[in-house]
Each structure stands twice: as structure tokens, then as C-alpha cells.
Amino acid sequence: MKSDMNYEVVLIDATETPIERLKKKFYYSKKKKRHTLKTQIVADKQTRQGLCTDFSNGKKTLL
């Protein structure tokens, strides 16, 4: 994906959100000791506009 915009500084933040327990351990986060959904967002610092988001199960590392 190409963009005509040049970003000097972007902000990256991630969080884990608890979800209802499922029978499978696909969403189990050993770090949080619960089932979670990981969310990551990248935003332009100047405009504070969200550039992209990513969601994954609690078992996976985003970065």
C-alpha cells in the first residue's frame, strides 16, 4: 500500500482486552493469565489520525 503522505513521527500503542473464556486456548495470554484480544494502533502524532489497526489473539506477539 502506497501513500502520498510523509509522516515525521507516528505513535504506536497496544493493549490487551479481556474476553469471555473460550474452550480453546487460542486466545489465552500467559502474561495476563486470561483470555485476551490484543489491539494495536498506529497514529500520526501531528494530526492524531489513526493510520492503521491490528487485532490478534492473546497468544500472539504483535511486534
PDB file of N, CA and C in Angstrom:
ATOM      1  N   MET A   1       0.838  -1.164   0.000  1.00  0.00           N
ATOM      2  CA  MET A   1       0.000   0.000   0.000  1.00  0.00           C
ATOM      3  C   MET A   1       0.891   1.238   0.000  1.00  0.00           C
ATOM      4  N   LYS A   2       0.660   2.150  -0.920  1.00  0.00           N
ATOM      5  CA  LYS A   2       1.438   3.377  -1.016  1.00  0.00           C
ATOM      6  C   LYS A   2       0.622   4.550  -0.506  1.00  0.00           C
ATOM      7  N   SER A   3       1.337   5.569  -0.042  1.00  0.00           N
ATOM      8  CA  SER A   3       0.689   6.762   0.468  1.00  0.00           C
ATOM      9  C   SER A   3       1.460   7.981  -0.005  1.00  0.00           C
ATOM     10  N   ASP A   4       0.742   9.068  -0.305  1.00  0.00           N
ATOM     11  CA  ASP A   4       1.388  10.320  -0.694  1.00  0.00           C
ATOM     12  C   ASP A   4       1.829  11.120   0.528  1.00  0.00           C
ATOM     13  N   MET A   5       1.436  10.691   1.699  1.00  0.00           N
ATOM     14  CA  MET A   5       1.756  11.405   2.934  1.00  0.00           C
ATOM     15  C   MET A   5       3.113  10.968   3.471  1.00  0.00           C
ATOM     16  N   ASN A   6       3.858  11.930   4.011  1.00  0.00           N
ATOM     17  CA  ASN A   6       5.098  11.637   4.719  1.00  0.00           C
ATOM     18  C   ASN A   6       4.871  11.969   6.184  1.00  0.00           C
ATOM     19  N   TYR A   7       5.129  11.003   7.035  1.00  0.00           N
ATOM     20  CA  TYR A   7       4.904  11.187   8.461  1.00  0.00           C
ATOM     21  C   TYR A   7       6.246  11.334   9.163  1.00  0.00           C
ATOM     22  N   GLU A   8       6.409  12.419   9.928  1.00  0.00           N
ATOM     23  CA  GLU A   8       7.645  12.629  10.670  1.00  0.00           C
ATOM     24  C   GLU A   8       7.686  11.753  11.916  1.00  0.00           C
ATOM     25  N   VAL A   9       6.581  11.713  12.637  1.00  0.00           N
ATOM     26  CA  VAL A   9       6.513  10.938  13.878  1.00  0.00           C
ATOM     27  C   VAL A   9       5.174  10.215  13.923  1.00  0.00           C
ATOM     28  N   VAL A  10       5.217   8.922  14.219  1.00  0.00           N
ATOM     29  CA  VAL A  10       3.984   8.168  14.420  1.00  0.00           C
ATOM     30  C   VAL A  10       3.994   7.609  15.837  1.00  0.00           C
ATOM     31  N   LEU A  11       2.818   7.447  16.399  1.00  0.00           N
ATOM     32  CA  LEU A  11       2.657   6.884  17.735  1.00  0.00           C
ATOM     33  C   LEU A  11       2.125   5.466  17.607  1.00  0.00           C
ATOM     34  N   ILE A  12       2.673   4.551  18.388  1.00  0.00           N
ATOM     35  CA  ILE A  12       2.228   3.161  18.378  1.00  0.00           C
ATOM     36  C   ILE A  12       1.824   2.795  19.796  1.00  0.00           C
ATOM     37  N   ASP A  13       0.639   2.215  19.934  1.00  0.00           N
ATOM     38  CA  ASP A  13       0.166   1.792  21.246  1.00  0.00           C
ATOM     39  C   ASP A  13      -0.525   0.444  21.098  1.00  0.00           C
ATOM     40  N   ALA A  14      -0.422  -0.372  22.129  1.00  0.00           N
ATOM     41  CA  ALA A  14      -1.065  -1.684  22.116  1.00  0.00           C
ATOM     42  C   ALA A  14      -1.670  -1.959  23.484  1.00  0.00           C
ATOM     43  N   THR A  15      -2.734  -2.754  23.477  1.00  0.00           N
ATOM     44  CA  THR A  15      -3.388  -3.123  24.729  1.00  0.00           C
ATOM     45  C   THR A  15      -3.969  -4.525  24.596  1.00  0.00           C
ATOM     46  N   GLU A  16      -4.203  -5.163  25.721  1.00  0.00           N
ATOM     47  CA  GLU A  16      -4.872  -6.456  25.753  1.00  0.00           C
ATOM     48  C   GLU A  16      -6.223  -6.274  26.438  1.00  0.00           C
ATOM     49  N   THR A  17      -7.277  -6.715  25.774  1.00  0.00           N
ATOM     50  CA  THR A  17      -8.629  -6.593  26.300  1.00  0.00           C
ATOM     51  C   THR A  17      -9.139  -7.971  26.709  1.00  0.00           C
ATOM     52  N   PRO A  18      -9.573  -8.140  27.950  1.00  0.00           N
ATOM     53  CA  PRO A  18     -10.115  -9.436  28.368  1.00  0.00           C
ATOM     54  C   PRO A  18     -11.367  -9.793  27.565  1.00  0.00           C
ATOM     55  N   ILE A  19     -11.496 -11.067  27.214  1.00  0.00           N
ATOM     56  CA  ILE A  19     -12.685 -11.547  26.506  1.00  0.00           C
ATOM     57  C   ILE A  19     -13.248 -12.745  27.260  1.00  0.00           C
ATOM     58  N   GLU A  20     -14.464 -13.122  26.911  1.00  0.00           N
ATOM     59  CA  GLU A  20     -15.111 -14.269  27.536  1.00  0.00           C
ATOM     60  C   GLU A  20     -14.289 -15.528  27.276  1.00  0.00           C
ATOM     61  N   ARG A  21     -14.148 -16.358  28.271  1.00  0.00           N
ATOM     62  CA  ARG A  21     -13.340 -17.569  28.175  1.00  0.00           C
ATOM     63  C   ARG A  21     -13.914 -18.518  27.124  1.00  0.00           C
ATOM     64  N   LEU A  22     -13.030 -18.996  26.265  1.00  0.00           N
ATOM     65  CA  LEU A  22     -13.405 -19.972  25.247  1.00  0.00           C
ATOM     66  C   LEU A  22     -12.813 -21.327  25.622  1.00  0.00           C
ATOM     67  N   LYS A  23     -13.328 -22.393  25.048  1.00  0.00           N
ATOM     68  CA  LYS A  23     -12.811 -23.723  25.359  1.00  0.00           C
ATOM     69  C   LYS A  23     -11.388 -23.904  24.836  1.00  0.00           C
ATOM     70  N   LYS A  24     -11.083 -23.300  23.706  1.00  0.00           N
ATOM     71  CA  LYS A  24      -9.743 -23.420  23.131  1.00  0.00           C
ATOM     72  C   LYS A  24      -8.820 -22.383  23.751  1.00  0.00           C
ATOM     73  N   LYS A  25      -7.532 -22.677  23.810  1.00  0.00           N
ATOM     74  CA  LYS A  25      -6.561 -21.754  24.393  1.00  0.00           C
ATOM     75  C   LYS A  25      -5.965 -20.816  23.353  1.00  0.00           C
ATOM     76  N   PHE A  26      -6.615 -20.681  22.204  1.00  0.00           N
ATOM     77  CA  PHE A  26      -6.118 -19.836  21.118  1.00  0.00           C
ATOM     78  C   PHE A  26      -5.956 -18.384  21.557  1.00  0.00           C
ATOM     79  N   TYR A  27      -6.826 -17.912  22.433  1.00  0.00           N
ATOM     80  CA  TYR A  27      -6.807 -16.521  22.882  1.00  0.00           C
ATOM     81  C   TYR A  27      -6.187 -16.366  24.273  1.00  0.00           C
ATOM     82  N   TYR A  28      -5.609 -17.421  24.838  1.00  0.00           N
ATOM     83  CA  TYR A  28      -5.085 -17.361  26.201  1.00  0.00           C
ATOM     84  C   TYR A  28      -3.740 -16.646  26.234  1.00  0.00           C
ATOM     85  N   SER A  29      -3.628 -15.621  27.065  1.00  0.00           N
ATOM     86  CA  SER A  29      -2.388 -14.874  27.239  1.00  0.00           C
ATOM     87  C   SER A  29      -1.728 -15.321  28.535  1.00  0.00           C
ATOM     88  N   LYS A  30      -0.546 -15.933  28.436  1.00  0.00           N
ATOM     89  CA  LYS A  30       0.158 -16.359  29.645  1.00  0.00           C
ATOM     90  C   LYS A  30       0.575 -15.155  30.481  1.00  0.00           C
ATOM     91  N   LYS A  31       0.862 -14.043  29.816  1.00  0.00           N
ATOM     92  CA  LYS A  31       1.278 -12.829  30.530  1.00  0.00           C
ATOM     93  C   LYS A  31       0.149 -12.304  31.415  1.00  0.00           C
ATOM     94  N   LYS A  32      -1.062 -12.247  30.882  1.00  0.00           N
ATOM     95  CA  LYS A  32      -2.210 -11.711  31.619  1.00  0.00           C
ATOM     96  C   LYS A  32      -2.963 -12.795  32.391  1.00  0.00           C
ATOM     97  N   LYS A  33      -2.636 -14.074  32.155  1.00  0.00           N
ATOM     98  CA  LYS A  33      -3.304 -15.200  32.819  1.00  0.00           C
ATOM     99  C   LYS A  33      -4.807 -15.210  32.570  1.00  0.00           C
ATOM    100  N   ARG A  34      -5.205 -14.828  31.366  1.00  0.00           N
ATOM    101  CA  ARG A  34      -6.619 -14.845  30.987  1.00  0.00           C
ATOM    102  C   ARG A  34      -6.716 -14.840  29.468  1.00  0.00           C
ATOM    103  N   HIS A  35      -7.919 -15.019  28.952  1.00  0.00           N
ATOM    104  CA  HIS A  35      -8.163 -14.964  27.520  1.00  0.00           C
ATOM    105  C   HIS A  35      -8.282 -13.499  27.113  1.00  0.00           C
ATOM    106  N   THR A  36      -7.503 -13.097  26.106  1.00  0.00           N
ATOM    107  CA  THR A  36      -7.482 -11.692  25.706  1.00  0.00           C
ATOM    108  C   THR A  36      -7.479 -11.543  24.192  1.00  0.00           C
ATOM    109  N   LEU A  37      -7.810 -10.352  23.756  1.00  0.00           N
ATOM    110  CA  LEU A  37      -7.701  -9.942  22.364  1.00  0.00           C
ATOM    111  C   LEU A  37      -6.726  -8.767  22.349  1.00  0.00           C
ATOM    112  N   LYS A  38      -5.642  -8.886  21.579  1.00  0.00           N
ATOM    113  CA  LYS A  38      -4.649  -7.811  21.515  1.00  0.00           C
ATOM    114  C   LYS A  38      -5.024  -6.828  20.421  1.00  0.00           C
ATOM    115  N   THR A  39      -4.882  -5.545  20.724  1.00  0.00           N
ATOM    116  CA  THR A  39      -5.199  -4.474  19.790  1.00  0.00           C
ATOM    117  C   THR A  39      -4.002  -3.541  19.690  1.00  0.00           C
ATOM    118  N   GLN A  40      -3.615  -3.196  18.460  1.00  0.00           N
ATOM    119  CA  GLN A  40      -2.510  -2.264  18.236  1.00  0.00           C
ATOM    120  C   GLN A  40      -2.981  -1.181  17.279  1.00  0.00           C
ATOM    121  N   ILE A  41      -2.614   0.074  17.566  1.00  0.00           N
ATOM    122  CA  ILE A  41      -2.977   1.192  16.694  1.00  0.00           C
ATOM    123  C   ILE A  41      -1.739   2.026  16.397  1.00  0.00           C
ATOM    124  N   VAL A  42      -1.657   2.517  15.165  1.00  0.00           N
ATOM    125  CA  VAL A  42      -0.593   3.430  14.741  1.00  0.00           C
ATOM    126  C   VAL A  42      -1.276   4.728  14.337  1.00  0.00           C
ATOM    127  N   ALA A  43      -0.802   5.859  14.900  1.00  0.00           N
ATOM    128  CA  ALA A  43      -1.428   7.156  14.639  1.00  0.00           C
ATOM    129  C   ALA A  43      -0.373   8.202  14.317  1.00  0.00           C
ATOM    130  N   ASP A  44      -0.755   9.185  13.510  1.00  0.00           N
ATOM    131  CA  ASP A  44       0.104  10.330  13.201  1.00  0.00           C
ATOM    132  C   ASP A  44       0.112  11.254  14.413  1.00  0.00           C
ATOM    133  N   LYS A  45       1.306  11.620  14.889  1.00  0.00           N
ATOM    134  CA  LYS A  45       1.400  12.448  16.094  1.00  0.00           C
ATOM    135  C   LYS A  45       0.819  13.841  15.880  1.00  0.00           C
ATOM    136  N   GLN A  46       1.063  14.427  14.716  1.00  0.00           N
ATOM    137  CA  GLN A  46       0.629  15.801  14.466  1.00  0.00           C
ATOM    138  C   GLN A  46      -0.892  15.917  14.371  1.00  0.00           C
ATOM    139  N   THR A  47      -1.516  15.062  13.573  1.00  0.00           N
ATOM    140  CA  THR A  47      -2.965  15.143  13.365  1.00  0.00           C
ATOM    141  C   THR A  47      -3.755  14.243  14.314  1.00  0.00           C
ATOM    142  N   ARG A  48      -3.071  13.317  14.974  1.00  0.00           N
ATOM    143  CA  ARG A  48      -3.690  12.316  15.853  1.00  0.00           C
ATOM    144  C   ARG A  48      -4.708  11.452  15.109  1.00  0.00           C
ATOM    145  N   GLN A  49      -4.491  11.308  13.824  1.00  0.00           N
ATOM    146  CA  GLN A  49      -5.356  10.481  12.986  1.00  0.00           C
ATOM    147  C   GLN A  49      -4.833   9.049  13.002  1.00  0.00           C
ATOM    148  N   GLY A  50      -5.736   8.091  13.189  1.00  0.00           N
ATOM    149  CA  GLY A  50      -5.358   6.684  13.153  1.00  0.00           C
ATOM    150  C   GLY A  50      -4.964   6.274  11.746  1.00  0.00           C
ATOM    151  N   LEU A  51      -3.790   5.663  11.607  1.00  0.00           N
ATOM    152  CA  LEU A  51      -3.313   5.238  10.293  1.00  0.00           C
ATOM    153  C   LEU A  51      -3.639   3.779  10.021  1.00  0.00           C
ATOM    154  N   CYS A  52      -3.516   2.934  11.038  1.00  0.00           N
ATOM    155  CA  CYS A  52      -3.873   1.529  10.863  1.00  0.00           C
ATOM    156  C   CYS A  52      -4.075   0.877  12.224  1.00  0.00           C
ATOM    157  N   THR A  53      -4.785  -0.233  12.231  1.00  0.00           N
ATOM    158  CA  THR A  53      -5.004  -1.013  13.442  1.00  0.00           C
ATOM    159  C   THR A  53      -4.739  -2.475  13.141  1.00  0.00           C
ATOM    160  N   ASP A  54      -4.451  -3.240  14.187  1.00  0.00           N
ATOM    161  CA  ASP A  54      -4.229  -4.672  14.048  1.00  0.00           C
ATOM    162  C   ASP A  54      -4.811  -5.361  15.275  1.00  0.00           C
ATOM    163  N   PHE A  55      -5.463  -6.477  15.058  1.00  0.00           N
ATOM    164  CA  PHE A  55      -6.040  -7.260  16.140  1.00  0.00           C
ATOM    165  C   PHE A  55      -5.491  -8.671  16.038  1.00  0.00           C
ATOM    166  N   SER A  56      -5.222  -9.300  17.178  1.00  0.00           N
ATOM    167  CA  SER A  56      -4.774 -10.688  17.162  1.00  0.00           C
ATOM    168  C   SER A  56      -5.196 -11.364  18.457  1.00  0.00           C
ATOM    169  N   ASN A  57      -5.034 -12.676  18.485  1.00  0.00           N
ATOM    170  CA  ASN A  57      -5.383 -13.415  19.699  1.00  0.00           C
ATOM    171  C   ASN A  57      -4.364 -13.114  20.788  1.00  0.00           C
ATOM    172  N   GLY A  58      -4.697 -13.421  22.022  1.00  0.00           N
ATOM    173  CA  GLY A  58      -3.833 -13.115  23.153  1.00  0.00           C
ATOM    174  C   GLY A  58      -2.541 -13.898  23.184  1.00  0.00           C
ATOM    175  N   LYS A  59      -2.481 -14.983  22.431  1.00  0.00           N
ATOM    176  CA  LYS A  59      -1.304 -15.840  22.424  1.00  0.00           C
ATOM    177  C   LYS A  59      -0.180 -15.261  21.562  1.00  0.00           C
ATOM    178  N   LYS A  60      -0.521 -14.433  20.596  1.00  0.00           N
ATOM    179  CA  LYS A  60       0.428 -13.929  19.600  1.00  0.00           C
ATOM    180  C   LYS A  60       1.059 -12.607  20.040  1.00  0.00           C
ATOM    181  N   THR A  61       2.348 -12.417  19.714  1.00  0.00           N
ATOM    182  CA  THR A  61       3.030 -11.148  19.945  1.00  0.00           C
ATOM    183  C   THR A  61       2.829 -10.261  18.725  1.00  0.00           C
ATOM    184  N   LEU A  62       2.426  -9.003  18.917  1.00  0.00           N
ATOM    185  CA  LEU A  62       2.124  -8.110  17.799  1.00  0.00           C
ATOM    186  C   LEU A  62       3.371  -7.593  17.095  1.00  0.00           C
ATOM    187  N   LEU A  63       4.381  -7.187  17.840  1.00  0.00           N
ATOM    188  CA  LEU A  63       5.556  -6.596  17.205  1.00  0.00           C
ATOM    189  C   LEU A  63       6.571  -7.590  16.871  1.00  0.00           C
TER     190      LEU A  63
END
